[in-house]
Amino acid sequence: MATSKTQKIIDDIKAQIESGELRPGDQLPSTTELRQQYSVSITVVRGAINWLKATGLIEGVPGVGVFVAERNS
């Protein structure tokens, strides 16, 4: 079964966070950069970002960007 484009972005960003490649406080690439990197529409990128925000892995700062959330362990 093919993985959706949105799920591919989610999986990649989750893997980068879990591996420590992206650390709490690190800024994610911009929507434009992610669109170009994955060759997808803005809707696909927003869907992935919204899912990651809903799970608490990342958080948005209006006018600044999207960052890896601090982990409460």
PDB file of N, CA and C in Angstrom:
ATOM      1  N   MET A   1       0.845  -1.194   0.000  1.00  0.00           N
ATOM      2  CA  MET A   1       0.000   0.000   0.000  1.00  0.00           C
ATOM      3  C   MET A   1       0.882   1.248   0.000  1.00  0.00           C
ATOM      4  N   ALA A   2       0.569   2.178  -0.860  1.00  0.00           N
ATOM      5  CA  ALA A   2       1.369   3.395  -0.980  1.00  0.00           C
ATOM      6  C   ALA A   2       1.133   4.314   0.213  1.00  0.00           C
ATOM      7  N   THR A   3       2.201   4.935   0.659  1.00  0.00           N
ATOM      8  CA  THR A   3       2.105   5.907   1.736  1.00  0.00           C
ATOM      9  C   THR A   3       1.725   7.248   1.126  1.00  0.00           C
ATOM     10  N   SER A   4       0.805   7.949   1.761  1.00  0.00           N
ATOM     11  CA  SER A   4       0.390   9.249   1.225  1.00  0.00           C
ATOM     12  C   SER A   4       1.537  10.243   1.323  1.00  0.00           C
ATOM     13  N   LYS A   5       1.463  11.268   0.499  1.00  0.00           N
ATOM     14  CA  LYS A   5       2.490  12.313   0.516  1.00  0.00           C
ATOM     15  C   LYS A   5       2.533  12.998   1.875  1.00  0.00           C
ATOM     16  N   THR A   6       1.353  13.220   2.458  1.00  0.00           N
ATOM     17  CA  THR A   6       1.295  13.844   3.786  1.00  0.00           C
ATOM     18  C   THR A   6       1.976  12.942   4.811  1.00  0.00           C
ATOM     19  N   GLN A   7       1.674  11.639   4.767  1.00  0.00           N
ATOM     20  CA  GLN A   7       2.257  10.701   5.732  1.00  0.00           C
ATOM     21  C   GLN A   7       3.771  10.621   5.588  1.00  0.00           C
ATOM     22  N   LYS A   8       4.288  10.739   4.363  1.00  0.00           N
ATOM     23  CA  LYS A   8       5.738  10.706   4.123  1.00  0.00           C
ATOM     24  C   LYS A   8       6.416  11.862   4.852  1.00  0.00           C
ATOM     25  N   ILE A   9       5.836  13.053   4.761  1.00  0.00           N
ATOM     26  CA  ILE A   9       6.410  14.211   5.445  1.00  0.00           C
ATOM     27  C   ILE A   9       6.338  14.010   6.957  1.00  0.00           C
ATOM     28  N   ILE A  10       5.187  13.552   7.441  1.00  0.00           N
ATOM     29  CA  ILE A  10       5.021  13.298   8.875  1.00  0.00           C
ATOM     30  C   ILE A  10       6.076  12.301   9.351  1.00  0.00           C
ATOM     31  N   ASP A  11       6.202  11.187   8.640  1.00  0.00           N
ATOM     32  CA  ASP A  11       7.160  10.149   9.032  1.00  0.00           C
ATOM     33  C   ASP A  11       8.594  10.663   9.028  1.00  0.00           C
ATOM     34  N   ASP A  12       8.948  11.437   8.008  1.00  0.00           N
ATOM     35  CA  ASP A  12      10.315  11.969   7.921  1.00  0.00           C
ATOM     36  C   ASP A  12      10.616  12.917   9.076  1.00  0.00           C
ATOM     37  N   ILE A  13       9.700  13.827   9.358  1.00  0.00           N
ATOM     38  CA  ILE A  13       9.945  14.800  10.429  1.00  0.00           C
ATOM     39  C   ILE A  13       9.957  14.101  11.792  1.00  0.00           C
ATOM     40  N   LYS A  14       9.013  13.156  12.003  1.00  0.00           N
ATOM     41  CA  LYS A  14       9.008  12.378  13.256  1.00  0.00           C
ATOM     42  C   LYS A  14      10.324  11.644  13.440  1.00  0.00           C
ATOM     43  N   ALA A  15      10.825  11.021  12.386  1.00  0.00           N
ATOM     44  CA  ALA A  15      12.085  10.272  12.462  1.00  0.00           C
ATOM     45  C   ALA A  15      13.252  11.194  12.805  1.00  0.00           C
ATOM     46  N   GLN A  16      13.257  12.387  12.233  1.00  0.00           N
ATOM     47  CA  GLN A  16      14.330  13.348  12.520  1.00  0.00           C
ATOM     48  C   GLN A  16      14.278  13.808  13.972  1.00  0.00           C
ATOM     49  N   ILE A  17      13.073  13.971  14.509  1.00  0.00           N
ATOM     50  CA  ILE A  17      12.920  14.377  15.913  1.00  0.00           C
ATOM     51  C   ILE A  17      13.343  13.224  16.824  1.00  0.00           C
ATOM     52  N   GLU A  18      12.864  12.018  16.528  1.00  0.00           N
ATOM     53  CA  GLU A  18      13.166  10.859  17.368  1.00  0.00           C
ATOM     54  C   GLU A  18      14.652  10.496  17.357  1.00  0.00           C
ATOM     55  N   SER A  19      15.332  10.733  16.240  1.00  0.00           N
ATOM     56  CA  SER A  19      16.758  10.405  16.137  1.00  0.00           C
ATOM     57  C   SER A  19      17.642  11.491  16.766  1.00  0.00           C
ATOM     58  N   GLY A  20      17.048  12.650  17.058  1.00  0.00           N
ATOM     59  CA  GLY A  20      17.833  13.746  17.615  1.00  0.00           C
ATOM     60  C   GLY A  20      18.418  14.658  16.553  1.00  0.00           C
ATOM     61  N   GLU A  21      18.165  14.349  15.286  1.00  0.00           N
ATOM     62  CA  GLU A  21      18.632  15.222  14.206  1.00  0.00           C
ATOM     63  C   GLU A  21      17.970  16.593  14.340  1.00  0.00           C
ATOM     64  N   LEU A  22      16.672  16.581  14.676  1.00  0.00           N
ATOM     65  CA  LEU A  22      15.959  17.819  15.010  1.00  0.00           C
ATOM     66  C   LEU A  22      15.738  17.793  16.520  1.00  0.00           C
ATOM     67  N   ARG A  23      16.208  18.818  17.200  1.00  0.00           N
ATOM     68  CA  ARG A  23      16.128  18.866  18.651  1.00  0.00           C
ATOM     69  C   ARG A  23      15.100  19.903  19.092  1.00  0.00           C
ATOM     70  N   PRO A  24      14.625  19.783  20.337  1.00  0.00           N
ATOM     71  CA  PRO A  24      13.670  20.780  20.838  1.00  0.00           C
ATOM     72  C   PRO A  24      14.207  22.199  20.622  1.00  0.00           C
ATOM     73  N   GLY A  25      13.342  23.039  20.056  1.00  0.00           N
ATOM     74  CA  GLY A  25      13.725  24.422  19.769  1.00  0.00           C
ATOM     75  C   GLY A  25      14.228  24.642  18.361  1.00  0.00           C
ATOM     76  N   ASP A  26      14.584  23.570  17.647  1.00  0.00           N
ATOM     77  CA  ASP A  26      15.043  23.714  16.261  1.00  0.00           C
ATOM     78  C   ASP A  26      13.875  24.140  15.373  1.00  0.00           C
ATOM     79  N   GLN A  27      14.171  24.999  14.421  1.00  0.00           N
ATOM     80  CA  GLN A  27      13.145  25.446  13.485  1.00  0.00           C
ATOM     81  C   GLN A  27      13.071  24.500  12.294  1.00  0.00           C
ATOM     82  N   LEU A  28      11.845  24.161  11.902  1.00  0.00           N
ATOM     83  CA  LEU A  28      11.632  23.340  10.709  1.00  0.00           C
ATOM     84  C   LEU A  28      11.801  24.210   9.472  1.00  0.00           C
ATOM     85  N   PRO A  29      12.081  23.585   8.327  1.00  0.00           N
ATOM     86  CA  PRO A  29      12.122  24.354   7.076  1.00  0.00           C
ATOM     87  C   PRO A  29      10.771  25.035   6.834  1.00  0.00           C
ATOM     88  N   SER A  30      10.800  26.095   6.065  1.00  0.00           N
ATOM     89  CA  SER A  30       9.565  26.821   5.754  1.00  0.00           C
ATOM     90  C   SER A  30       8.636  25.957   4.907  1.00  0.00           C
ATOM     91  N   THR A  31       7.383  26.371   4.834  1.00  0.00           N
ATOM     92  CA  THR A  31       6.410  25.669   4.004  1.00  0.00           C
ATOM     93  C   THR A  31       6.905  25.601   2.560  1.00  0.00           C
ATOM     94  N   THR A  32       7.449  26.691   2.071  1.00  0.00           N
ATOM     95  CA  THR A  32       7.965  26.732   0.695  1.00  0.00           C
ATOM     96  C   THR A  32       9.096  25.727   0.515  1.00  0.00           C
ATOM     97  N   GLU A  33      10.013  25.673   1.483  1.00  0.00           N
ATOM     98  CA  GLU A  33      11.129  24.730   1.390  1.00  0.00           C
ATOM     99  C   GLU A  33      10.629  23.282   1.421  1.00  0.00           C
ATOM    100  N   LEU A  34       9.661  22.997   2.285  1.00  0.00           N
ATOM    101  CA  LEU A  34       9.115  21.642   2.358  1.00  0.00           C
ATOM    102  C   LEU A  34       8.371  21.282   1.070  1.00  0.00           C
ATOM    103  N   ARG A  35       7.647  22.240   0.509  1.00  0.00           N
ATOM    104  CA  ARG A  35       6.947  22.005  -0.773  1.00  0.00           C
ATOM    105  C   ARG A  35       7.950  21.606  -1.847  1.00  0.00           C
ATOM    106  N   GLN A  36       9.059  22.329  -1.916  1.00  0.00           N
ATOM    107  CA  GLN A  36      10.074  22.047  -2.937  1.00  0.00           C
ATOM    108  C   GLN A  36      10.777  20.722  -2.655  1.00  0.00           C
ATOM    109  N   GLN A  37      11.102  20.472  -1.386  1.00  0.00           N
ATOM    110  CA  GLN A  37      11.822  19.256  -1.012  1.00  0.00           C
ATOM    111  C   GLN A  37      11.031  17.999  -1.360  1.00  0.00           C
ATOM    112  N   TYR A  38       9.713  18.042  -1.122  1.00  0.00           N
ATOM    113  CA  TYR A  38       8.871  16.865  -1.342  1.00  0.00           C
ATOM    114  C   TYR A  38       8.066  16.917  -2.641  1.00  0.00           C
ATOM    115  N   SER A  39       8.187  18.016  -3.382  1.00  0.00           N
ATOM    116  CA  SER A  39       7.439  18.196  -4.635  1.00  0.00           C
ATOM    117  C   SER A  39       5.939  17.975  -4.432  1.00  0.00           C
ATOM    118  N   VAL A  40       5.388  18.700  -3.449  1.00  0.00           N
ATOM    119  CA  VAL A  40       3.970  18.576  -3.112  1.00  0.00           C
ATOM    120  C   VAL A  40       3.330  19.954  -3.035  1.00  0.00           C
ATOM    121  N   SER A  41       2.008  19.952  -2.886  1.00  0.00           N
ATOM    122  CA  SER A  41       1.274  21.214  -2.777  1.00  0.00           C
ATOM    123  C   SER A  41       1.350  21.752  -1.349  1.00  0.00           C
ATOM    124  N   ILE A  42       0.981  23.006  -1.219  1.00  0.00           N
ATOM    125  CA  ILE A  42       0.949  23.643   0.097  1.00  0.00           C
ATOM    126  C   ILE A  42      -0.062  22.931   1.007  1.00  0.00           C
ATOM    127  N   THR A  43      -1.133  22.402   0.424  1.00  0.00           N
ATOM    128  CA  THR A  43      -2.149  21.691   1.197  1.00  0.00           C
ATOM    129  C   THR A  43      -1.559  20.448   1.861  1.00  0.00           C
ATOM    130  N   VAL A  44      -0.717  19.731   1.142  1.00  0.00           N
ATOM    131  CA  VAL A  44      -0.080  18.535   1.695  1.00  0.00           C
ATOM    132  C   VAL A  44       0.844  18.913   2.849  1.00  0.00           C
ATOM    133  N   VAL A  45       1.653  19.940   2.652  1.00  0.00           N
ATOM    134  CA  VAL A  45       2.575  20.384   3.708  1.00  0.00           C
ATOM    135  C   VAL A  45       1.789  20.841   4.934  1.00  0.00           C
ATOM    136  N   ARG A  46       0.759  21.639   4.719  1.00  0.00           N
ATOM    137  CA  ARG A  46      -0.046  22.125   5.856  1.00  0.00           C
ATOM    138  C   ARG A  46      -0.703  20.973   6.607  1.00  0.00           C
ATOM    139  N   GLY A  47      -1.171  19.965   5.870  1.00  0.00           N
ATOM    140  CA  GLY A  47      -1.773  18.800   6.513  1.00  0.00           C
ATOM    141  C   GLY A  47      -0.785  18.097   7.435  1.00  0.00           C
ATOM    142  N   ALA A  48       0.434  17.925   6.952  1.00  0.00           N
ATOM    143  CA  ALA A  48       1.470  17.267   7.758  1.00  0.00           C
ATOM    144  C   ALA A  48       1.829  18.116   8.979  1.00  0.00           C
ATOM    145  N   ILE A  49       2.008  19.403   8.770  1.00  0.00           N
ATOM    146  CA  ILE A  49       2.363  20.307   9.873  1.00  0.00           C
ATOM    147  C   ILE A  49       1.241  20.338  10.908  1.00  0.00           C
ATOM    148  N   ASN A  50       0.003  20.418  10.454  1.00  0.00           N
ATOM    149  CA  ASN A  50      -1.129  20.442  11.391  1.00  0.00           C
ATOM    150  C   ASN A  50      -1.212  19.157  12.203  1.00  0.00           C
ATOM    151  N   TRP A  51      -0.950  18.020  11.573  1.00  0.00           N
ATOM    152  CA  TRP A  51      -0.974  16.744  12.297  1.00  0.00           C
ATOM    153  C   TRP A  51       0.123  16.717  13.357  1.00  0.00           C
ATOM    154  N   LEU A  52       1.324  17.151  12.973  1.00  0.00           N
ATOM    155  CA  LEU A  52       2.445  17.161  13.914  1.00  0.00           C
ATOM    156  C   LEU A  52       2.197  18.137  15.069  1.00  0.00           C
ATOM    157  N   LYS A  53       1.550  19.259  14.778  1.00  0.00           N
ATOM    158  CA  LYS A  53       1.187  20.201  15.846  1.00  0.00           C
ATOM    159  C   LYS A  53       0.172  19.567  16.786  1.00  0.00           C
ATOM    160  N   ALA A  54      -0.822  18.879  16.219  1.00  0.00           N
ATOM    161  CA  ALA A  54      -1.882  18.266  17.025  1.00  0.00           C
ATOM    162  C   ALA A  54      -1.326  17.193  17.961  1.00  0.00           C
ATOM    163  N   THR A  55      -0.242  16.542  17.559  1.00  0.00           N
ATOM    164  CA  THR A  55       0.360  15.508  18.401  1.00  0.00           C
ATOM    165  C   THR A  55       1.354  16.086  19.406  1.00  0.00           C
ATOM    166  N   GLY A  56       1.624  17.390  19.290  1.00  0.00           N
ATOM    167  CA  GLY A  56       2.524  18.033  20.241  1.00  0.00           C
ATOM    168  C   GLY A  56       3.998  17.904  19.912  1.00  0.00           C
ATOM    169  N   LEU A  57       4.328  17.357  18.737  1.00  0.00           N
ATOM    170  CA  LEU A  57       5.739  17.222  18.374  1.00  0.00           C
ATOM    171  C   LEU A  57       6.354  18.552  17.962  1.00  0.00           C
ATOM    172  N   ILE A  58       5.529  19.410  17.369  1.00  0.00           N
ATOM    173  CA  ILE A  58       6.014  20.719  16.933  1.00  0.00           C
ATOM    174  C   ILE A  58       5.026  21.785  17.378  1.00  0.00           C
ATOM    175  N   GLU A  59       5.492  23.033  17.365  1.00  0.00           N
ATOM    176  CA  GLU A  59       4.615  24.152  17.710  1.00  0.00           C
ATOM    177  C   GLU A  59       4.934  25.327  16.807  1.00  0.00           C
ATOM    178  N   GLY A  60       3.882  26.057  16.462  1.00  0.00           N
ATOM    179  CA  GLY A  60       4.042  27.210  15.592  1.00  0.00           C
ATOM    180  C   GLY A  60       4.133  28.490  16.393  1.00  0.00           C
ATOM    181  N   VAL A  61       4.972  29.400  15.922  1.00  0.00           N
ATOM    182  CA  VAL A  61       5.062  30.738  16.489  1.00  0.00           C
ATOM    183  C   VAL A  61       4.643  31.687  15.373  1.00  0.00           C
ATOM    184  N   PRO A  62       3.451  32.295  15.506  1.00  0.00           N
ATOM    185  CA  PRO A  62       2.944  33.145  14.420  1.00  0.00           C
ATOM    186  C   PRO A  62       3.959  34.193  13.970  1.00  0.00           C
ATOM    187  N   GLY A  63       4.166  34.251  12.666  1.00  0.00           N
ATOM    188  CA  GLY A  63       5.070  35.228  12.081  1.00  0.00           C
ATOM    189  C   GLY A  63       6.539  34.867  12.201  1.00  0.00           C
ATOM    190  N   VAL A  64       6.841  33.762  12.872  1.00  0.00           N
ATOM    191  CA  VAL A  64       8.237  33.374  13.069  1.00  0.00           C
ATOM    192  C   VAL A  64       8.545  32.047  12.387  1.00  0.00           C
ATOM    193  N   GLY A  65       7.766  31.005  12.706  1.00  0.00           N
ATOM    194  CA  GLY A  65       8.016  29.700  12.093  1.00  0.00           C
ATOM    195  C   GLY A  65       7.473  28.575  12.941  1.00  0.00           C
ATOM    196  N   VAL A  66       7.889  27.378  12.584  1.00  0.00           N
ATOM    197  CA  VAL A  66       7.454  26.162  13.278  1.00  0.00           C
ATOM    198  C   VAL A  66       8.696  25.527  13.893  1.00  0.00           C
ATOM    199  N   PHE A  67       8.566  25.125  15.156  1.00  0.00           N
ATOM    200  CA  PHE A  67       9.704  24.624  15.915  1.00  0.00           C
ATOM    201  C   PHE A  67       9.403  23.288  16.554  1.00  0.00           C
ATOM    202  N   VAL A  68      10.447  22.496  16.793  1.00  0.00           N
ATOM    203  CA  VAL A  68      10.299  21.248  17.529  1.00  0.00           C
ATOM    204  C   VAL A  68       9.936  21.615  18.967  1.00  0.00           C
ATOM    205  N   ALA A  69       8.884  20.976  19.474  1.00  0.00           N
ATOM    206  CA  ALA A  69       8.405  21.276  20.829  1.00  0.00           C
ATOM    207  C   ALA A  69       9.357  20.704  21.868  1.00  0.00           C
ATOM    208  N   GLU A  70       9.376  21.342  23.024  1.00  0.00           N
ATOM    209  CA  GLU A  70      10.119  20.805  24.163  1.00  0.00           C
ATOM    210  C   GLU A  70       9.420  19.531  24.595  1.00  0.00           C
ATOM    211  N   ARG A  71      10.185  18.532  24.961  1.00  0.00           N
ATOM    212  CA  ARG A  71       9.596  17.265  25.403  1.00  0.00           C
ATOM    213  C   ARG A  71       9.494  17.237  26.918  1.00  0.00           C
ATOM    214  N   ASN A  72       8.346  16.793  27.394  1.00  0.00           N
ATOM    215  CA  ASN A  72       8.162  16.622  28.831  1.00  0.00           C
ATOM    216  C   ASN A  72       8.362  15.162  29.149  1.00  0.00           C
ATOM    217  N   SER A  73       9.595  14.820  29.568  1.00  0.00           N
ATOM    218  CA  SER A  73       9.829  13.407  29.860  1.00  0.00           C
ATOM    219  C   SER A  73       9.905  13.147  31.334  1.00  0.00           C
TER     220      SER A  73
END
